[in-house]
Amino acid sequence: MRGQGTVTISLCMIVKNEVDTNASCLESVKDIVDEINIVDTGSTNQTIEVLKMYTNRIYDFEWVYNFAEARNYAFKQATKDFILRLDADDVFSPHNHEKFKK
């Protein structure tokens, strides 16, 4: 639990068939965010099964060929003070963990 005066962070990601990269990304940030929100735009492989190891906040969004709509939908799922948006192939290094926490 975080101390008084700290902020809370919602991770929001949009994914589709990112089975090869999701775990690396989520492993690298799971300890610095307070919730993980994933919007899936139609995965047909094992992406959802991998995501379920990190969060139950997985939402389906029918791809309407508009990235902004998917992103805004993802942001609507956030319940914390701030939003961190990452792509499935992004990875936070330990050095960046410390910078982010500051």
N, C-alpha and C. Protein backbone atom coordinates (compact mmCIF):
# COMPACT_ATOMS: atom_id res chain seq x y z
N MET A 1 0.84 -1.19 0.00
CA MET A 1 0.00 0.00 0.00
C MET A 1 0.88 1.24 0.00
N ARG A 2 0.52 2.21 -0.78
CA ARG A 2 1.32 3.41 -0.89
C ARG A 2 0.98 4.39 0.23
N GLY A 3 1.95 5.19 0.57
CA GLY A 3 1.75 6.16 1.65
C GLY A 3 0.92 7.34 1.21
N GLN A 4 0.45 8.10 2.21
CA GLN A 4 -0.35 9.27 1.93
C GLN A 4 0.50 10.28 1.14
N GLY A 5 -0.11 10.96 0.20
CA GLY A 5 0.61 11.95 -0.59
C GLY A 5 1.21 11.39 -1.86
N THR A 6 1.09 10.10 -2.09
CA THR A 6 1.61 9.53 -3.34
C THR A 6 0.48 9.44 -4.35
N VAL A 7 0.85 9.32 -5.59
CA VAL A 7 -0.15 9.19 -6.66
C VAL A 7 -0.30 7.73 -7.04
N THR A 8 -1.41 7.44 -7.67
CA THR A 8 -1.66 6.08 -8.14
C THR A 8 -1.65 6.10 -9.67
N ILE A 9 -1.24 4.96 -10.24
CA ILE A 9 -1.03 4.88 -11.67
C ILE A 9 -1.84 3.73 -12.28
N SER A 10 -2.57 4.04 -13.34
CA SER A 10 -3.25 3.03 -14.16
C SER A 10 -2.43 2.81 -15.42
N LEU A 11 -2.08 1.58 -15.68
CA LEU A 11 -1.47 1.24 -16.97
C LEU A 11 -2.60 0.94 -17.94
N CYS A 12 -2.55 1.55 -19.12
CA CYS A 12 -3.53 1.29 -20.17
C CYS A 12 -2.79 0.87 -21.43
N MET A 13 -3.20 -0.27 -21.97
CA MET A 13 -2.59 -0.79 -23.19
C MET A 13 -3.66 -1.24 -24.15
N ILE A 14 -3.36 -1.09 -25.43
CA ILE A 14 -4.19 -1.62 -26.51
C ILE A 14 -3.38 -2.71 -27.17
N VAL A 15 -3.98 -3.89 -27.31
CA VAL A 15 -3.23 -5.02 -27.88
C VAL A 15 -4.06 -5.76 -28.91
N LYS A 16 -3.34 -6.47 -29.77
CA LYS A 16 -3.94 -7.44 -30.69
C LYS A 16 -2.83 -8.40 -31.10
N ASN A 17 -3.02 -9.65 -30.74
CA ASN A 17 -2.05 -10.70 -31.10
C ASN A 17 -0.62 -10.34 -30.68
N GLU A 18 -0.48 -9.94 -29.43
CA GLU A 18 0.82 -9.53 -28.90
C GLU A 18 1.39 -10.59 -27.95
N VAL A 19 1.09 -11.83 -28.20
CA VAL A 19 1.48 -12.91 -27.30
C VAL A 19 2.99 -12.95 -27.06
N ASP A 20 3.77 -12.58 -28.04
CA ASP A 20 5.23 -12.67 -27.91
C ASP A 20 5.84 -11.54 -27.08
N THR A 21 5.12 -10.45 -26.86
CA THR A 21 5.71 -9.31 -26.17
C THR A 21 5.00 -8.89 -24.89
N ASN A 22 3.75 -9.29 -24.70
CA ASN A 22 3.00 -8.85 -23.53
C ASN A 22 3.68 -9.16 -22.20
N ALA A 23 4.16 -10.37 -22.04
CA ALA A 23 4.74 -10.77 -20.76
C ALA A 23 5.96 -9.93 -20.41
N SER A 24 6.83 -9.67 -21.36
CA SER A 24 8.02 -8.85 -21.09
C SER A 24 7.62 -7.45 -20.65
N CYS A 25 6.67 -6.89 -21.35
CA CYS A 25 6.21 -5.54 -21.02
C CYS A 25 5.61 -5.51 -19.61
N LEU A 26 4.67 -6.40 -19.36
CA LEU A 26 3.96 -6.38 -18.07
C LEU A 26 4.87 -6.75 -16.91
N GLU A 27 5.80 -7.68 -17.11
CA GLU A 27 6.77 -8.00 -16.06
C GLU A 27 7.58 -6.76 -15.69
N SER A 28 7.88 -5.94 -16.67
CA SER A 28 8.74 -4.78 -16.42
C SER A 28 8.03 -3.65 -15.69
N VAL A 29 6.69 -3.66 -15.63
CA VAL A 29 5.98 -2.56 -14.99
C VAL A 29 5.01 -2.98 -13.89
N LYS A 30 4.82 -4.26 -13.70
CA LYS A 30 3.77 -4.71 -12.76
C LYS A 30 3.97 -4.20 -11.34
N ASP A 31 5.20 -3.90 -10.96
CA ASP A 31 5.47 -3.43 -9.59
C ASP A 31 5.44 -1.92 -9.45
N ILE A 32 5.23 -1.20 -10.55
CA ILE A 32 5.21 0.27 -10.44
C ILE A 32 3.86 0.86 -10.81
N VAL A 33 2.90 0.03 -11.17
CA VAL A 33 1.55 0.53 -11.45
C VAL A 33 0.57 -0.08 -10.45
N ASP A 34 -0.54 0.61 -10.26
CA ASP A 34 -1.54 0.16 -9.30
C ASP A 34 -2.64 -0.67 -9.94
N GLU A 35 -2.81 -0.54 -11.24
CA GLU A 35 -3.76 -1.38 -11.95
C GLU A 35 -3.30 -1.50 -13.39
N ILE A 36 -3.69 -2.60 -14.01
CA ILE A 36 -3.36 -2.87 -15.40
C ILE A 36 -4.67 -3.04 -16.17
N ASN A 37 -4.87 -2.17 -17.15
CA ASN A 37 -6.06 -2.20 -18.01
C ASN A 37 -5.62 -2.53 -19.42
N ILE A 38 -6.20 -3.58 -19.97
CA ILE A 38 -5.84 -4.01 -21.32
C ILE A 38 -7.09 -3.97 -22.19
N VAL A 39 -6.97 -3.34 -23.35
CA VAL A 39 -8.03 -3.34 -24.33
C VAL A 39 -7.55 -4.18 -25.51
N ASP A 40 -8.27 -5.26 -25.75
CA ASP A 40 -7.92 -6.16 -26.85
C ASP A 40 -8.82 -5.87 -28.04
N THR A 41 -8.19 -5.69 -29.20
CA THR A 41 -8.96 -5.33 -30.40
C THR A 41 -9.15 -6.50 -31.36
N GLY A 42 -9.16 -7.72 -30.79
CA GLY A 42 -9.49 -8.87 -31.63
C GLY A 42 -8.42 -9.93 -31.75
N SER A 43 -7.70 -10.19 -30.68
CA SER A 43 -6.65 -11.20 -30.73
C SER A 43 -7.22 -12.56 -31.09
N THR A 44 -6.45 -13.31 -31.89
CA THR A 44 -6.85 -14.65 -32.30
C THR A 44 -5.84 -15.71 -31.87
N ASN A 45 -4.84 -15.30 -31.09
CA ASN A 45 -3.85 -16.26 -30.59
C ASN A 45 -3.96 -16.35 -29.07
N GLN A 46 -2.91 -16.67 -28.37
CA GLN A 46 -2.93 -16.87 -26.92
C GLN A 46 -2.74 -15.58 -26.12
N THR A 47 -2.88 -14.44 -26.73
CA THR A 47 -2.67 -13.15 -26.07
C THR A 47 -3.48 -13.02 -24.78
N ILE A 48 -4.74 -13.33 -24.82
CA ILE A 48 -5.61 -13.15 -23.65
C ILE A 48 -5.16 -14.05 -22.50
N GLU A 49 -4.77 -15.25 -22.78
CA GLU A 49 -4.31 -16.16 -21.72
C GLU A 49 -3.08 -15.60 -21.02
N VAL A 50 -2.16 -15.02 -21.78
CA VAL A 50 -0.97 -14.39 -21.17
C VAL A 50 -1.39 -13.21 -20.32
N LEU A 51 -2.27 -12.38 -20.83
CA LEU A 51 -2.71 -11.20 -20.09
C LEU A 51 -3.38 -11.55 -18.77
N LYS A 52 -4.12 -12.63 -18.75
CA LYS A 52 -4.84 -13.04 -17.54
C LYS A 52 -3.89 -13.38 -16.39
N MET A 53 -2.62 -13.61 -16.68
CA MET A 53 -1.64 -13.85 -15.62
C MET A 53 -1.30 -12.56 -14.89
N TYR A 54 -1.65 -11.42 -15.47
CA TYR A 54 -1.29 -10.12 -14.90
C TYR A 54 -2.48 -9.29 -14.44
N THR A 55 -3.64 -9.52 -15.02
CA THR A 55 -4.80 -8.69 -14.68
C THR A 55 -6.09 -9.37 -15.10
N ASN A 56 -7.16 -9.01 -14.42
CA ASN A 56 -8.49 -9.44 -14.85
C ASN A 56 -9.22 -8.27 -15.53
N ARG A 57 -8.54 -7.14 -15.64
CA ARG A 57 -9.11 -5.94 -16.25
C ARG A 57 -8.78 -5.94 -17.75
N ILE A 58 -9.42 -6.87 -18.46
CA ILE A 58 -9.22 -7.04 -19.89
C ILE A 58 -10.55 -6.75 -20.57
N TYR A 59 -10.51 -5.85 -21.53
CA TYR A 59 -11.73 -5.38 -22.18
C TYR A 59 -11.64 -5.62 -23.68
N ASP A 60 -12.75 -6.05 -24.26
CA ASP A 60 -12.82 -6.23 -25.71
C ASP A 60 -13.27 -4.92 -26.34
N PHE A 61 -12.66 -4.60 -27.45
CA PHE A 61 -13.04 -3.41 -28.20
C PHE A 61 -12.98 -3.76 -29.68
N GLU A 62 -14.12 -3.64 -30.34
CA GLU A 62 -14.14 -3.94 -31.77
C GLU A 62 -13.34 -2.88 -32.52
N TRP A 63 -12.34 -3.32 -33.26
CA TRP A 63 -11.50 -2.40 -34.00
C TRP A 63 -12.33 -1.68 -35.06
N VAL A 64 -12.32 -0.36 -35.01
CA VAL A 64 -13.09 0.46 -35.95
C VAL A 64 -12.15 1.30 -36.81
N TYR A 65 -10.90 0.82 -36.94
CA TYR A 65 -9.90 1.49 -37.77
C TYR A 65 -9.66 2.93 -37.33
N ASN A 66 -9.70 3.12 -36.00
CA ASN A 66 -9.47 4.44 -35.43
C ASN A 66 -8.73 4.25 -34.12
N PHE A 67 -7.43 4.48 -34.15
CA PHE A 67 -6.62 4.27 -32.96
C PHE A 67 -7.06 5.16 -31.81
N ALA A 68 -7.45 6.38 -32.09
CA ALA A 68 -7.87 7.31 -31.04
C ALA A 68 -9.07 6.77 -30.27
N GLU A 69 -10.01 6.16 -30.97
CA GLU A 69 -11.18 5.62 -30.28
C GLU A 69 -10.79 4.48 -29.34
N ALA A 70 -9.90 3.61 -29.79
CA ALA A 70 -9.44 2.51 -28.94
C ALA A 70 -8.67 3.05 -27.75
N ARG A 71 -7.80 4.02 -27.97
CA ARG A 71 -7.02 4.62 -26.88
C ARG A 71 -7.94 5.29 -25.86
N ASN A 72 -8.90 6.06 -26.34
CA ASN A 72 -9.81 6.75 -25.42
C ASN A 72 -10.65 5.75 -24.64
N TYR A 73 -11.04 4.67 -25.26
CA TYR A 73 -11.77 3.62 -24.54
C TYR A 73 -10.89 3.03 -23.45
N ALA A 74 -9.63 2.79 -23.76
CA ALA A 74 -8.70 2.26 -22.76
C ALA A 74 -8.57 3.23 -21.59
N PHE A 75 -8.44 4.51 -21.89
CA PHE A 75 -8.29 5.51 -20.83
C PHE A 75 -9.54 5.59 -19.95
N LYS A 76 -10.70 5.33 -20.50
CA LYS A 76 -11.94 5.35 -19.71
C LYS A 76 -11.97 4.24 -18.66
N GLN A 77 -11.17 3.19 -18.86
CA GLN A 77 -11.14 2.09 -17.90
C GLN A 77 -10.28 2.42 -16.67
N ALA A 78 -9.45 3.42 -16.78
CA ALA A 78 -8.53 3.78 -15.69
C ALA A 78 -9.29 4.33 -14.50
N THR A 79 -8.88 3.89 -13.30
CA THR A 79 -9.52 4.36 -12.07
C THR A 79 -8.54 5.06 -11.13
N LYS A 80 -7.30 5.22 -11.54
CA LYS A 80 -6.28 5.80 -10.66
C LYS A 80 -6.00 7.25 -11.04
N ASP A 81 -5.08 7.89 -10.31
CA ASP A 81 -4.80 9.31 -10.50
C ASP A 81 -4.22 9.65 -11.87
N PHE A 82 -3.29 8.83 -12.33
CA PHE A 82 -2.59 9.08 -13.58
C PHE A 82 -2.60 7.84 -14.45
N ILE A 83 -2.37 8.05 -15.75
CA ILE A 83 -2.37 6.96 -16.72
C ILE A 83 -0.98 6.83 -17.34
N LEU A 84 -0.49 5.61 -17.38
CA LEU A 84 0.71 5.26 -18.12
C LEU A 84 0.25 4.46 -19.33
N ARG A 85 0.58 4.93 -20.53
CA ARG A 85 0.20 4.23 -21.74
C ARG A 85 1.46 3.60 -22.33
N LEU A 86 1.39 2.31 -22.57
CA LEU A 86 2.51 1.61 -23.17
C LEU A 86 2.03 0.76 -24.34
N ASP A 87 2.95 0.51 -25.25
CA ASP A 87 2.73 -0.48 -26.30
C ASP A 87 3.22 -1.82 -25.78
N ALA A 88 2.74 -2.90 -26.33
CA ALA A 88 3.07 -4.23 -25.84
C ALA A 88 4.55 -4.56 -25.96
N ASP A 89 5.26 -3.88 -26.83
CA ASP A 89 6.69 -4.16 -26.97
C ASP A 89 7.57 -3.20 -26.17
N ASP A 90 6.97 -2.33 -25.36
CA ASP A 90 7.74 -1.45 -24.48
C ASP A 90 8.18 -2.21 -23.24
N VAL A 91 9.38 -1.90 -22.75
CA VAL A 91 9.90 -2.53 -21.54
C VAL A 91 10.59 -1.46 -20.70
N PHE A 92 10.25 -1.41 -19.41
CA PHE A 92 10.90 -0.49 -18.47
C PHE A 92 12.14 -1.17 -17.90
N SER A 93 13.25 -0.50 -17.98
CA SER A 93 14.47 -1.02 -17.37
C SER A 93 14.46 -0.71 -15.87
N PRO A 94 15.24 -1.43 -15.06
CA PRO A 94 15.31 -1.12 -13.63
C PRO A 94 15.71 0.33 -13.38
N HIS A 95 16.60 0.86 -14.20
CA HIS A 95 17.01 2.26 -14.07
C HIS A 95 15.81 3.20 -14.25
N ASN A 96 14.97 2.88 -15.22
CA ASN A 96 13.79 3.71 -15.45
C ASN A 96 12.74 3.54 -14.37
N HIS A 97 12.72 2.43 -13.68
CA HIS A 97 11.82 2.26 -12.54
C HIS A 97 12.07 3.35 -11.52
N GLU A 98 13.33 3.54 -11.17
CA GLU A 98 13.69 4.55 -10.17
C GLU A 98 13.33 5.95 -10.64
N LYS A 99 13.59 6.25 -11.89
CA LYS A 99 13.24 7.56 -12.43
C LYS A 99 11.72 7.77 -12.40
N PHE A 100 10.99 6.75 -12.75
CA PHE A 100 9.54 6.84 -12.79
C PHE A 100 8.98 7.06 -11.39
N LYS A 101 9.50 6.37 -10.41
CA LYS A 101 9.01 6.49 -9.03
C LYS A 101 9.24 7.90 -8.48
N LYS A 102 10.34 8.52 -8.90
CA LYS A 102 10.62 9.89 -8.45
C LYS A 102 9.65 10.85 -9.08
